[in-house]
Protein backbone atom coordinates (compact mmCIF):
# COMPACT_ATOMS: atom_id res chain seq x y z
CA UNK A 1 -75.22 -23.49 21.76
CA UNK A 2 -71.90 -21.73 22.63
CA UNK A 3 -72.24 -18.13 20.61
CA UNK A 4 -68.83 -17.22 22.14
CA UNK A 5 -67.04 -20.13 20.86
CA UNK A 6 -68.62 -19.76 17.47
CA UNK A 7 -67.72 -15.89 16.85
CA UNK A 8 -64.15 -16.99 17.72
CA UNK A 9 -64.45 -19.47 15.11
CA UNK A 10 -65.28 -16.78 12.71
CA UNK A 11 -62.75 -14.40 13.88
CA UNK A 12 -59.98 -16.90 13.33
CA UNK A 13 -61.04 -17.34 9.41
CA UNK A 14 -61.80 -13.78 8.95
CA UNK A 15 -58.53 -12.73 9.93
CA UNK A 16 -55.34 -14.71 10.16
CA UNK A 17 -53.21 -14.77 13.21
CA UNK A 18 -50.26 -12.69 13.29
CA UNK A 19 -47.85 -15.53 12.92
CA UNK A 20 -49.24 -16.66 9.92
CA UNK A 21 -49.20 -13.31 7.94
CA UNK A 22 -45.46 -13.05 9.06
CA UNK A 23 -44.46 -16.41 8.33
CA UNK A 24 -42.18 -15.16 5.65
CA UNK A 25 -39.19 -13.91 7.15
CA UNK A 26 -37.84 -12.46 4.00
CA UNK A 27 -40.86 -10.33 3.13
CA UNK A 28 -41.22 -9.22 -0.16
CA UNK A 29 -37.94 -7.34 -0.81
CA UNK A 30 -36.31 -10.81 0.17
CA UNK A 31 -38.70 -12.68 -2.13
CA UNK A 32 -37.48 -9.93 -5.10
CA UNK A 33 -34.26 -9.82 -4.21
CA UNK A 34 -33.86 -13.75 -4.51
CA UNK A 35 -36.26 -14.47 -7.21
CA UNK A 36 -33.91 -14.10 -9.86
CA UNK A 37 -31.46 -16.11 -8.54
CA UNK A 38 -33.76 -19.11 -7.54
CA UNK A 39 -35.59 -18.81 -11.73
CA UNK A 40 -31.48 -19.31 -12.80
CA UNK A 41 -31.16 -22.03 -10.42
CA UNK A 42 -34.33 -23.96 -11.89
CA UNK A 43 -33.56 -23.35 -15.22
CA UNK A 44 -29.68 -24.17 -15.11
CA UNK A 45 -28.93 -28.19 -14.98
CA UNK A 46 -27.85 -28.66 -11.72
CA UNK A 47 -29.62 -26.31 -10.22
CA UNK A 48 -28.38 -23.82 -7.22
CA UNK A 49 -24.83 -25.21 -7.14
CA UNK A 50 -24.72 -24.19 -11.07
CA UNK A 51 -25.90 -20.85 -10.09
CA UNK A 52 -23.88 -20.08 -8.10
CA UNK A 53 -20.86 -21.28 -10.07
CA UNK A 54 -22.12 -19.04 -12.84
CA UNK A 55 -22.69 -16.00 -10.36
CA UNK A 56 -18.67 -16.41 -9.52
CA UNK A 57 -17.77 -16.35 -12.92
CA UNK A 58 -19.55 -13.44 -14.01
CA UNK A 59 -18.38 -11.61 -11.12
CA UNK A 60 -15.25 -12.85 -11.84
CA UNK A 61 -15.40 -11.68 -15.62
CA UNK A 62 -16.43 -8.19 -13.97
CA UNK A 63 -13.51 -7.96 -11.94
CA UNK A 64 -11.06 -8.51 -14.46
CA UNK A 65 -12.33 -6.13 -16.87
CA UNK A 66 -12.89 -3.58 -14.43
CA UNK A 67 -10.44 -4.22 -11.85
CA UNK A 68 -7.72 -6.25 -11.41
CA UNK A 69 -6.49 -8.93 -14.42
CA UNK A 70 -3.66 -11.31 -14.06
CA UNK A 71 -0.95 -11.16 -16.59
CA UNK A 72 1.93 -13.32 -17.39
CA UNK A 73 5.22 -11.97 -17.60
CA UNK A 74 6.28 -13.36 -21.32
CA UNK A 75 10.62 -12.55 -21.32
CA UNK A 76 13.11 -11.71 -19.14
CA UNK A 77 13.10 -7.93 -19.62
CA UNK A 78 11.76 -6.99 -16.46
CA UNK A 79 14.35 -9.29 -14.38
CA UNK A 80 15.46 -9.86 -11.60
CA UNK A 81 12.48 -8.28 -10.26
CA UNK A 82 10.07 -10.52 -12.48
CA UNK A 83 11.32 -13.36 -13.94
CA UNK A 84 9.38 -15.90 -16.83
CA UNK A 85 6.59 -17.11 -15.62
CA UNK A 86 5.89 -14.83 -12.46
CA UNK A 87 2.11 -13.93 -12.75
CA UNK A 88 1.46 -10.52 -11.80
CA UNK A 89 -2.15 -8.59 -10.91
CA UNK A 90 -2.79 -5.33 -13.14
CA UNK A 91 -4.44 -2.51 -10.88
CA UNK A 92 -6.32 -1.12 -13.61
CA UNK A 93 -8.23 1.40 -11.59
CA UNK A 94 -4.47 2.78 -10.16
CA UNK A 95 -4.54 5.66 -12.84
CA UNK A 96 -8.91 6.46 -13.05
CA UNK A 97 -10.43 9.11 -11.50
CA UNK A 98 -7.48 11.91 -11.95
CA UNK A 99 -4.36 9.65 -10.75
CA UNK A 100 -1.37 9.41 -13.79
CA UNK A 101 1.13 7.23 -13.90
CA UNK A 102 4.76 8.06 -12.35
CA UNK A 103 7.89 7.86 -12.54
CA UNK A 104 9.05 4.47 -11.06
CA UNK A 105 6.08 2.63 -11.82
CA UNK A 106 5.66 -0.90 -13.37
CA UNK A 107 2.45 -0.79 -16.10
CA UNK A 108 1.39 -2.93 -18.41
CA UNK A 109 0.14 -1.39 -21.44
CA UNK A 110 -0.84 -1.99 -25.31
CA UNK A 111 2.00 -1.70 -27.42
CA UNK A 112 -0.19 -1.96 -30.67
CA UNK A 113 1.47 0.36 -33.31
CA UNK A 114 4.02 1.73 -30.97
CA UNK A 115 6.72 -1.30 -30.04
CA UNK A 116 4.83 -4.30 -31.96
CA UNK A 117 1.60 -6.13 -31.31
CA UNK A 118 0.31 -7.31 -27.63
CA UNK A 119 0.67 -5.92 -24.20
CA UNK A 120 4.38 -5.51 -22.84
CA UNK A 121 5.59 -4.47 -18.98
CA UNK A 122 7.83 -2.04 -18.64
CA UNK A 123 8.87 0.24 -15.70
CA UNK A 124 7.92 4.67 -16.15
CA UNK A 125 11.12 6.11 -16.47
CA UNK A 126 9.77 9.37 -17.53
CA UNK A 127 6.49 11.19 -17.92
CA UNK A 128 4.95 14.35 -19.93
CA UNK A 129 7.40 17.22 -19.91
CA UNK A 130 10.23 15.14 -18.72
CA UNK A 131 14.03 15.22 -20.07
CA UNK A 132 15.28 12.28 -20.00
CA UNK A 133 19.26 11.85 -20.88
CA UNK A 134 21.99 8.58 -20.50
CA UNK A 135 24.13 8.78 -19.86
CA UNK A 136 25.63 11.18 -16.81
CA UNK A 137 29.28 11.46 -16.22
CA UNK A 138 28.82 8.75 -13.81
CA UNK A 139 27.23 6.44 -16.60
CA UNK A 140 23.42 7.01 -14.59
CA UNK A 141 20.01 7.85 -16.78
CA UNK A 142 19.10 11.25 -15.66
CA UNK A 143 15.64 13.16 -15.62
CA UNK A 144 15.36 16.67 -15.19
CA UNK A 145 18.84 17.30 -14.37
CA UNK A 146 18.59 14.69 -11.63
CA UNK A 147 20.92 11.58 -11.53
CA UNK A 148 18.79 8.36 -11.02
CA UNK A 149 20.57 5.30 -8.75
CA UNK A 150 18.56 2.40 -10.76
CA UNK A 151 21.38 0.11 -8.97
CA UNK A 152 18.26 -1.47 -6.55
CA UNK A 153 16.47 -2.86 -9.53
CA UNK A 154 18.58 -3.19 -12.48
CA UNK A 155 19.69 -6.55 -13.55
CA UNK A 156 22.65 -7.86 -11.92
CA UNK A 157 26.04 -6.71 -14.38
CA UNK A 158 23.31 -4.10 -16.54
CA UNK A 159 24.12 -0.81 -17.31
CA UNK A 160 21.41 2.15 -17.23
CA UNK A 161 21.83 2.01 -21.02
CA UNK A 162 24.55 1.05 -23.73
CA UNK A 163 22.73 2.88 -26.28
CA UNK A 164 23.04 6.83 -25.64
CA UNK A 165 19.46 8.96 -25.48
CA UNK A 166 18.01 12.46 -25.08
CA UNK A 167 14.61 13.17 -24.91
CA UNK A 168 12.00 15.03 -24.37
CA UNK A 169 8.69 13.11 -23.51
CA UNK A 170 5.57 14.91 -25.27
CA UNK A 171 2.91 15.66 -22.83
CA UNK A 172 0.19 12.60 -22.35
CA UNK A 173 2.88 10.14 -22.77
CA UNK A 174 5.54 7.54 -21.16
CA UNK A 175 9.13 6.68 -21.87
CA UNK A 176 9.70 3.31 -20.47
CA UNK A 177 12.69 1.35 -19.98
CA UNK A 178 12.78 -2.70 -18.75
CA UNK A 179 14.62 -3.57 -15.37
CA UNK A 180 17.03 -6.01 -17.53
CA UNK A 181 18.46 -3.06 -19.69
CA UNK A 182 20.62 -6.29 -22.13
CA UNK A 183 17.48 -8.19 -22.83
CA UNK A 184 14.67 -5.38 -23.18
CA UNK A 185 12.89 -3.94 -26.22
CA UNK A 186 11.50 -0.46 -24.64
CA UNK A 187 11.63 3.60 -25.59
CA UNK A 188 15.33 3.14 -26.41
CA UNK A 189 15.04 0.81 -29.34
CA UNK A 190 11.73 2.74 -31.11
CA UNK A 191 12.86 6.33 -30.81
CA UNK A 192 12.67 6.25 -34.78
CA UNK A 193 9.24 4.61 -34.81
CA UNK A 194 5.69 5.76 -34.98
CA UNK A 195 5.23 7.80 -31.46
CA UNK A 196 9.13 7.92 -30.64
CA UNK A 197 9.73 5.37 -28.33
CA UNK A 198 6.75 6.85 -26.23
CA UNK A 199 3.75 5.44 -25.45
CA UNK A 200 0.46 7.28 -24.72
CA UNK A 201 -0.97 7.08 -21.37
CA UNK A 202 -4.50 6.14 -22.90
CA UNK A 203 -2.65 2.96 -23.71
CA UNK A 204 -1.65 1.64 -20.33
CA UNK A 205 -4.08 -1.17 -19.10
CA UNK A 206 -2.86 -0.54 -15.39
CA UNK A 207 -0.17 -0.52 -12.64
CA UNK A 208 1.48 -3.65 -12.01
CA UNK A 209 1.24 -4.20 -7.72
CA UNK A 210 1.50 -7.62 -7.06
CA UNK A 211 3.06 -10.77 -7.96
CA UNK A 212 0.65 -13.30 -7.02
CA UNK A 213 2.37 -16.64 -8.50
CA UNK A 214 4.74 -19.02 -7.85
CA UNK A 215 3.74 -18.16 -4.47
CA UNK A 216 7.50 -17.75 -3.29
CA UNK A 217 7.68 -14.83 -5.00
CA UNK A 218 4.17 -13.80 -3.53
CA UNK A 219 5.12 -9.61 -2.86
CA UNK A 220 4.01 -6.33 -3.66
CA UNK A 221 5.64 -4.17 -5.96
CA UNK A 222 6.99 -0.25 -4.54
CA UNK A 223 7.85 2.45 -6.23
CA UNK A 224 11.15 3.04 -5.77
CA UNK A 225 12.49 5.79 -3.79
CA UNK A 226 15.36 6.73 -6.02
CA UNK A 227 12.89 8.60 -8.38
CA UNK A 228 10.62 10.78 -5.86
CA UNK A 229 14.08 12.82 -5.66
CA UNK A 230 13.63 13.56 -9.38
CA UNK A 231 11.92 17.50 -9.78
CA UNK A 232 9.23 18.09 -12.35
CA UNK A 233 9.56 19.75 -15.52
CA UNK A 234 9.08 23.03 -13.84
CA UNK A 235 11.10 22.14 -11.17
CA UNK A 236 9.03 20.78 -8.22
CA UNK A 237 9.80 17.91 -6.90
CA UNK A 238 7.38 14.75 -7.49
């Protein structure tokens, strides 16, 4: 009897070969990483395709809740830059981690109890501590004593305001106006309402950064340079 051959056979049965021991290229980590997805795929009608679609939906909901949110322009109050039916992407993390709205930003906010029910989109003209006046001798809005040239974004033919105002913006609030001043209900119209026409910063949903629909209007929304020359309430430019 070939004892050497018998020993070899016993070794093979008691000690699996190296390729058999590493036949799972993913290893335990890989199996645990995909096990939940696999179990969901087996449970759902449609299997893997349905599980993948569900994963995409969950990701989309999380993105919409915490990062960006689409917003459809409902009126002409922000023309000519934003037209009725345009869809913008609202950056919901723009003012987190210590950042705050700045003059010239286009923001979406919850106007419930201040402007009416629902979300609104306007341009920030004054921030907490600012002194906003309309109009100066040239018919322009001034912020902290500095006149602002709004001609690059105002609706053609509009004046900065047909309603005079002289307001001090309380800390933690915003004074907001539409770009189409003749077709916008904004801070000017609510000076006698609760909050004095100001919007608490905490009510801001986010900053409108992009027009994404229709594709012919696709563009990034920039903060007008006119506001860069406005000094802060303490006299520091910002």
